[in-house]
Amino acid sequence: MRPTCIFDAHALKHAIKGAGTNEKVLTEILAS
């Protein structure tokens, strides 16, 4: 139910949060 841009921002925040990063999420969102 989240608008796309809010979903993406949320996913990016969680991809860089805490120890390590989720490179797949970063790449998927920013490259597509």
All heavy atoms as atom14 arrays in JSON, in Angstrom:
{
  "sequence": "MRPTCIFDAHALKHAIKGAGTNEKVLTEILAS",
  "atom14_mask": [
    [1, 1, 1, 1, 1, 1, 1, 1, 0, 0, 0, 0, 0, 0],
    [1, 1, 1, 1, 1, 1, 1, 1, 1, 1, 1, 0, 0, 0],
    [1, 1, 1, 1, 1, 1, 1, 0, 0, 0, 0, 0, 0, 0],
    [1, 1, 1, 1, 1, 1, 1, 0, 0, 0, 0, 0, 0, 0],
    [1, 1, 1, 1, 1, 1, 0, 0, 0, 0, 0, 0, 0, 0],
    [1, 1, 1, 1, 1, 1, 1, 1, 0, 0, 0, 0, 0, 0],
    [1, 1, 1, 1, 1, 1, 1, 1, 1, 1, 1, 0, 0, 0],
    [1, 1, 1, 1, 1, 1, 1, 1, 0, 0, 0, 0, 0, 0],
    [1, 1, 1, 1, 1, 0, 0, 0, 0, 0, 0, 0, 0, 0],
    [1, 1, 1, 1, 1, 1, 1, 1, 1, 1, 0, 0, 0, 0],
    [1, 1, 1, 1, 1, 0, 0, 0, 0, 0, 0, 0, 0, 0],
    [1, 1, 1, 1, 1, 1, 1, 1, 0, 0, 0, 0, 0, 0],
    [1, 1, 1, 1, 1, 1, 1, 1, 1, 0, 0, 0, 0, 0],
    [1, 1, 1, 1, 1, 1, 1, 1, 1, 1, 0, 0, 0, 0],
    [1, 1, 1, 1, 1, 0, 0, 0, 0, 0, 0, 0, 0, 0],
    [1, 1, 1, 1, 1, 1, 1, 1, 0, 0, 0, 0, 0, 0],
    [1, 1, 1, 1, 1, 1, 1, 1, 1, 0, 0, 0, 0, 0],
    [1, 1, 1, 1, 0, 0, 0, 0, 0, 0, 0, 0, 0, 0],
    [1, 1, 1, 1, 1, 0, 0, 0, 0, 0, 0, 0, 0, 0],
    [1, 1, 1, 1, 0, 0, 0, 0, 0, 0, 0, 0, 0, 0],
    [1, 1, 1, 1, 1, 1, 1, 0, 0, 0, 0, 0, 0, 0],
    [1, 1, 1, 1, 1, 1, 1, 1, 0, 0, 0, 0, 0, 0],
    [1, 1, 1, 1, 1, 1, 1, 1, 1, 0, 0, 0, 0, 0],
    [1, 1, 1, 1, 1, 1, 1, 1, 1, 0, 0, 0, 0, 0],
    [1, 1, 1, 1, 1, 1, 1, 0, 0, 0, 0, 0, 0, 0],
    [1, 1, 1, 1, 1, 1, 1, 1, 0, 0, 0, 0, 0, 0],
    [1, 1, 1, 1, 1, 1, 1, 0, 0, 0, 0, 0, 0, 0],
    [1, 1, 1, 1, 1, 1, 1, 1, 1, 0, 0, 0, 0, 0],
    [1, 1, 1, 1, 1, 1, 1, 1, 0, 0, 0, 0, 0, 0],
    [1, 1, 1, 1, 1, 1, 1, 1, 0, 0, 0, 0, 0, 0],
    [1, 1, 1, 1, 1, 0, 0, 0, 0, 0, 0, 0, 0, 0],
    [1, 1, 1, 1, 1, 1, 0, 0, 0, 0, 0, 0, 0, 0]
  ],
  "atom14_positions": [
    [[0.8, -1.22, 0.0], [0.0, 0.0, 0.0], [0.84, 1.28, 0.0], [0.31, 2.36, -0.19], [-0.96, 0.01, 1.21], [-2.05, -1.03, 1.11], [-3.0, -0.97, -0.42], [-3.64, 0.69, -0.38], [0.0, 0.0, 0.0], [0.0, 0.0, 0.0], [0.0, 0.0, 0.0], [0.0, 0.0, 0.0], [0.0, 0.0, 0.0], [0.0, 0.0, 0.0]],
    [[2.13, 1.15, 0.2], [2.98, 2.35, 0.19], [3.13, 2.86, -1.24], [3.36, 2.06, -2.16], [4.37, 2.02, 0.71], [4.46, 1.88, 2.19], [5.94, 1.85, 2.61], [6.02, 1.74, 4.05], [6.47, 0.67, 4.7], [6.9, -0.37, 4.03], [6.5, 0.66, 6.0], [0.0, 0.0, 0.0], [0.0, 0.0, 0.0], [0.0, 0.0, 0.0]],
    [[3.07, 4.18, -1.42], [3.42, 4.71, -2.75], [4.84, 4.28, -3.1], [5.69, 4.12, -2.22], [3.31, 6.22, -2.56], [2.35, 6.39, -1.42], [2.62, 5.22, -0.51], [0.0, 0.0, 0.0], [0.0, 0.0, 0.0], [0.0, 0.0, 0.0], [0.0, 0.0, 0.0], [0.0, 0.0, 0.0], [0.0, 0.0, 0.0], [0.0, 0.0, 0.0]],
    [[5.11, 4.09, -4.36], [6.38, 3.53, -4.82], [7.6, 4.27, -4.26], [8.53, 3.63, -3.78], [6.43, 3.53, -6.36], [5.28, 2.85, -6.84], [7.66, 2.82, -6.87], [0.0, 0.0, 0.0], [0.0, 0.0, 0.0], [0.0, 0.0, 0.0], [0.0, 0.0, 0.0], [0.0, 0.0, 0.0], [0.0, 0.0, 0.0], [0.0, 0.0, 0.0]],
    [[7.59, 5.59, -4.33], [8.78, 6.33, -3.88], [9.01, 6.17, -2.38], [10.15, 6.1, -1.92], [8.68, 7.8, -4.27], [7.23, 8.63, -3.59], [0.0, 0.0, 0.0], [0.0, 0.0, 0.0], [0.0, 0.0, 0.0], [0.0, 0.0, 0.0], [0.0, 0.0, 0.0], [0.0, 0.0, 0.0], [0.0, 0.0, 0.0], [0.0, 0.0, 0.0]],
    [[7.94, 6.07, -1.6], [8.08, 5.85, -0.15], [8.58, 4.44, 0.12], [9.45, 4.23, 0.97], [6.76, 6.15, 0.58], [6.43, 7.64, 0.46], [6.82, 5.71, 2.04], [5.08, 8.04, 1.01], [0.0, 0.0, 0.0], [0.0, 0.0, 0.0], [0.0, 0.0, 0.0], [0.0, 0.0, 0.0], [0.0, 0.0, 0.0], [0.0, 0.0, 0.0]],
    [[8.06, 3.48, -0.63], [8.54, 2.1, -0.48], [10.03, 2.02, -0.8], [10.8, 1.39, -0.06], [7.75, 1.15, -1.39], [8.22, -0.27, -1.29], [7.74, -1.1, -0.29], [9.18, -0.76, -2.16], [8.18, -2.41, -0.18], [9.63, -2.06, -2.06], [9.14, -2.89, -1.06], [0.0, 0.0, 0.0], [0.0, 0.0, 0.0], [0.0, 0.0, 0.0]],
    [[10.44, 2.66, -1.89], [11.86, 2.63, -2.27], [12.74, 3.28, -1.21], [13.8, 2.75, -0.86], [12.06, 3.33, -3.62], [11.57, 2.5, -4.79], [11.29, 1.29, -4.61], [11.46, 3.06, -5.9], [0.0, 0.0, 0.0], [0.0, 0.0, 0.0], [0.0, 0.0, 0.0], [0.0, 0.0, 0.0], [0.0, 0.0, 0.0], [0.0, 0.0, 0.0]],
    [[12.32, 4.43, -0.7], [13.1, 5.12, 0.34], [13.22, 4.24, 1.58], [14.3, 4.11, 2.17], [12.46, 6.47, 0.68], [0.0, 0.0, 0.0], [0.0, 0.0, 0.0], [0.0, 0.0, 0.0], [0.0, 0.0, 0.0], [0.0, 0.0, 0.0], [0.0, 0.0, 0.0], [0.0, 0.0, 0.0], [0.0, 0.0, 0.0], [0.0, 0.0, 0.0]],
    [[12.14, 3.6, 1.96], [12.13, 2.71, 3.11], [13.07, 1.52, 2.87], [13.85, 1.15, 3.75], [10.69, 2.23, 3.36], [10.55, 1.29, 4.5], [10.52, 1.69, 5.81], [10.42, -0.06, 4.52], [10.39, 0.64, 6.59], [10.32, -0.44, 5.83], [0.0, 0.0, 0.0], [0.0, 0.0, 0.0], [0.0, 0.0, 0.0], [0.0, 0.0, 0.0]],
    [[12.99, 0.92, 1.69], [13.84, -0.22, 1.37], [15.32, 0.17, 1.38], [16.17, -0.58, 1.87], [13.46, -0.8, 0.01], [0.0, 0.0, 0.0], [0.0, 0.0, 0.0], [0.0, 0.0, 0.0], [0.0, 0.0, 0.0], [0.0, 0.0, 0.0], [0.0, 0.0, 0.0], [0.0, 0.0, 0.0], [0.0, 0.0, 0.0], [0.0, 0.0, 0.0]],
    [[15.63, 1.36, 0.85], [17.02, 1.84, 0.86], [17.51, 2.07, 2.29], [18.65, 1.72, 2.61], [17.16, 3.11, 0.03], [17.02, 2.91, -1.48], [16.89, 4.26, -2.19], [18.19, 2.12, -2.04], [0.0, 0.0, 0.0], [0.0, 0.0, 0.0], [0.0, 0.0, 0.0], [0.0, 0.0, 0.0], [0.0, 0.0, 0.0], [0.0, 0.0, 0.0]],
    [[16.67, 2.63, 3.12], [17.07, 2.87, 4.51], [17.43, 1.55, 5.19], [18.44, 1.45, 5.87], [15.95, 3.56, 5.29], [16.28, 3.71, 6.78], [15.55, 4.81, 7.41], [15.83, 4.95, 8.89], [17.16, 5.4, 9.21], [0.0, 0.0, 0.0], [0.0, 0.0, 0.0], [0.0, 0.0, 0.0], [0.0, 0.0, 0.0], [0.0, 0.0, 0.0]],
    [[16.59, 0.53, 4.98], [16.86, -0.76, 5.61], [18.02, -1.5, 4.95], [18.67, -2.32, 5.61], [15.59, -1.6, 5.66], [14.62, -1.07, 6.67], [14.72, -1.35, 8.01], [13.58, -0.22, 6.55], [13.79, -0.71, 8.67], [13.07, -0.02, 7.8], [0.0, 0.0, 0.0], [0.0, 0.0, 0.0], [0.0, 0.0, 0.0], [0.0, 0.0, 0.0]],
    [[18.32, -1.18, 3.71], [19.45, -1.82, 3.03], [20.79, -1.33, 3.57], [21.79, -2.03, 3.47], [19.37, -1.58, 1.52], [0.0, 0.0, 0.0], [0.0, 0.0, 0.0], [0.0, 0.0, 0.0], [0.0, 0.0, 0.0], [0.0, 0.0, 0.0], [0.0, 0.0, 0.0], [0.0, 0.0, 0.0], [0.0, 0.0, 0.0], [0.0, 0.0, 0.0]],
    [[20.81, -0.12, 4.13], [22.06, 0.43, 4.65], [22.07, 0.52, 6.16], [23.04, 0.98, 6.76], [22.36, 1.82, 4.03], [21.23, 2.8, 4.28], [22.68, 1.7, 2.56], [21.47, 4.2, 3.74], [0.0, 0.0, 0.0], [0.0, 0.0, 0.0], [0.0, 0.0, 0.0], [0.0, 0.0, 0.0], [0.0, 0.0, 0.0], [0.0, 0.0, 0.0]],
    [[21.01, 0.05, 6.79], [20.89, 0.12, 8.25], [21.65, -1.03, 8.91], [21.62, -2.15, 8.42], [19.41, 0.04, 8.62], [19.1, 0.16, 10.09], [17.59, 0.08, 10.29], [17.25, 0.13, 11.77], [15.81, -0.02, 11.98], [0.0, 0.0, 0.0], [0.0, 0.0, 0.0], [0.0, 0.0, 0.0], [0.0, 0.0, 0.0], [0.0, 0.0, 0.0]],
    [[22.31, -0.74, 10.0], [22.97, -1.78, 10.78], [24.26, -2.27, 10.15], [24.83, -1.64, 9.26], [0.0, 0.0, 0.0], [0.0, 0.0, 0.0], [0.0, 0.0, 0.0], [0.0, 0.0, 0.0], [0.0, 0.0, 0.0], [0.0, 0.0, 0.0], [0.0, 0.0, 0.0], [0.0, 0.0, 0.0], [0.0, 0.0, 0.0], [0.0, 0.0, 0.0]],
    [[24.69, -3.42, 10.62], [25.94, -4.0, 10.14], [25.77, -4.53, 8.73], [24.83, -5.25, 8.44], [26.39, -5.12, 11.07], [0.0, 0.0, 0.0], [0.0, 0.0, 0.0], [0.0, 0.0, 0.0], [0.0, 0.0, 0.0], [0.0, 0.0, 0.0], [0.0, 0.0, 0.0], [0.0, 0.0, 0.0], [0.0, 0.0, 0.0], [0.0, 0.0, 0.0]],
    [[26.67, -4.13, 7.84], [26.61, -4.59, 6.46], [25.55, -3.87, 5.66], [24.73, -3.14, 6.2], [0.0, 0.0, 0.0], [0.0, 0.0, 0.0], [0.0, 0.0, 0.0], [0.0, 0.0, 0.0], [0.0, 0.0, 0.0], [0.0, 0.0, 0.0], [0.0, 0.0, 0.0], [0.0, 0.0, 0.0], [0.0, 0.0, 0.0], [0.0, 0.0, 0.0]],
    [[25.6, -4.05, 4.37], [24.61, -3.44, 3.49], [24.01, -4.52, 2.6], [24.65, -5.54, 2.34], [25.22, -2.36, 2.58], [26.25, -2.96, 1.79], [25.8, -1.21, 3.36], [0.0, 0.0, 0.0], [0.0, 0.0, 0.0], [0.0, 0.0, 0.0], [0.0, 0.0, 0.0], [0.0, 0.0, 0.0], [0.0, 0.0, 0.0], [0.0, 0.0, 0.0]],
    [[22.81, -4.27, 2.14], [22.17, -5.18, 1.2], [22.39, -4.6, -0.19], [21.61, -3.78, -0.67], [20.69, -5.33, 1.53], [20.02, -6.39, 0.69], [20.45, -6.69, -0.42], [18.94, -6.94, 1.2], [0.0, 0.0, 0.0], [0.0, 0.0, 0.0], [0.0, 0.0, 0.0], [0.0, 0.0, 0.0], [0.0, 0.0, 0.0], [0.0, 0.0, 0.0]],
    [[23.48, -5.03, -0.82], [23.86, -4.48, -2.12], [22.83, -4.77, -3.2], [22.65, -3.97, -4.12], [25.25, -4.99, -2.53], [26.37, -4.3, -1.78], [27.27, -5.28, -1.05], [27.07, -6.49, -1.19], [28.15, -4.8, -0.33], [0.0, 0.0, 0.0], [0.0, 0.0, 0.0], [0.0, 0.0, 0.0], [0.0, 0.0, 0.0], [0.0, 0.0, 0.0]],
    [[22.15, -5.89, -3.1], [21.14, -6.23, -4.1], [20.01, -5.2, -4.1], [19.54, -4.8, -5.16], [20.58, -7.63, -3.85], [21.54, -8.74, -4.2], [20.91, -10.1, -3.96], [21.9, -11.2, -4.3], [21.32, -12.53, -4.1], [0.0, 0.0, 0.0], [0.0, 0.0, 0.0], [0.0, 0.0, 0.0], [0.0, 0.0, 0.0], [0.0, 0.0, 0.0]],
    [[19.57, -4.8, -2.93], [18.49, -3.81, -2.83], [18.96, -2.47, -3.38], [18.26, -1.82, -4.16], [17.99, -3.67, -1.38], [17.04, -2.49, -1.24], [17.3, -4.95, -0.93], [0.0, 0.0, 0.0], [0.0, 0.0, 0.0], [0.0, 0.0, 0.0], [0.0, 0.0, 0.0], [0.0, 0.0, 0.0], [0.0, 0.0, 0.0], [0.0, 0.0, 0.0]],
    [[20.16, -2.05, -2.98], [20.71, -0.78, -3.47], [20.78, -0.78, -4.99], [20.36, 0.18, -5.65], [22.09, -0.53, -2.87], [22.17, -0.33, -1.36], [23.62, -0.26, -0.91], [21.41, 0.89, -0.93], [0.0, 0.0, 0.0], [0.0, 0.0, 0.0], [0.0, 0.0, 0.0], [0.0, 0.0, 0.0], [0.0, 0.0, 0.0], [0.0, 0.0, 0.0]],
    [[21.31, -1.85, -5.55], [21.47, -1.95, -7.0], [20.12, -2.0, -7.7], [19.89, -1.29, -8.68], [22.31, -3.18, -7.37], [23.55, -3.13, -6.67], [22.56, -3.25, -8.85], [0.0, 0.0, 0.0], [0.0, 0.0, 0.0], [0.0, 0.0, 0.0], [0.0, 0.0, 0.0], [0.0, 0.0, 0.0], [0.0, 0.0, 0.0], [0.0, 0.0, 0.0]],
    [[19.24, -2.84, -7.21], [17.92, -3.01, -7.84], [17.18, -1.68, -7.94], [16.66, -1.31, -8.99], [17.08, -4.01, -7.06], [15.63, -4.09, -7.49], [15.42, -4.67, -8.87], [16.26, -5.44, -9.33], [14.4, -4.34, -9.49], [0.0, 0.0, 0.0], [0.0, 0.0, 0.0], [0.0, 0.0, 0.0], [0.0, 0.0, 0.0], [0.0, 0.0, 0.0]],
    [[17.13, -0.95, -6.85], [16.37, 0.29, -6.85], [17.07, 1.38, -7.66], [16.47, 1.99, -8.55], [16.09, 0.76, -5.4], [15.13, -0.22, -4.73], [15.52, 2.19, -5.39], [14.9, 0.03, -3.26], [0.0, 0.0, 0.0], [0.0, 0.0, 0.0], [0.0, 0.0, 0.0], [0.0, 0.0, 0.0], [0.0, 0.0, 0.0], [0.0, 0.0, 0.0]],
    [[18.32, 1.64, -7.38], [18.99, 2.78, -8.01], [19.28, 2.56, -9.49], [19.28, 3.51, -10.27], [20.27, 3.12, -7.25], [20.02, 3.6, -5.81], [21.34, 3.84, -5.1], [19.13, 4.83, -5.78], [0.0, 0.0, 0.0], [0.0, 0.0, 0.0], [0.0, 0.0, 0.0], [0.0, 0.0, 0.0], [0.0, 0.0, 0.0], [0.0, 0.0, 0.0]],
    [[19.47, 1.31, -9.9], [19.78, 1.06, -11.32], [18.53, 0.9, -12.17], [18.6, 1.05, -13.39], [20.66, -0.19, -11.45], [0.0, 0.0, 0.0], [0.0, 0.0, 0.0], [0.0, 0.0, 0.0], [0.0, 0.0, 0.0], [0.0, 0.0, 0.0], [0.0, 0.0, 0.0], [0.0, 0.0, 0.0], [0.0, 0.0, 0.0], [0.0, 0.0, 0.0]],
    [[17.4, 0.63, -11.56], [16.2, 0.37, -12.36], [15.21, 1.53, -12.41], [14.22, 1.47, -13.13], [15.48, -0.88, -11.85], [14.95, -0.65, -10.56], [0.0, 0.0, 0.0], [0.0, 0.0, 0.0], [0.0, 0.0, 0.0], [0.0, 0.0, 0.0], [0.0, 0.0, 0.0], [0.0, 0.0, 0.0], [0.0, 0.0, 0.0], [0.0, 0.0, 0.0]]
  ]
}
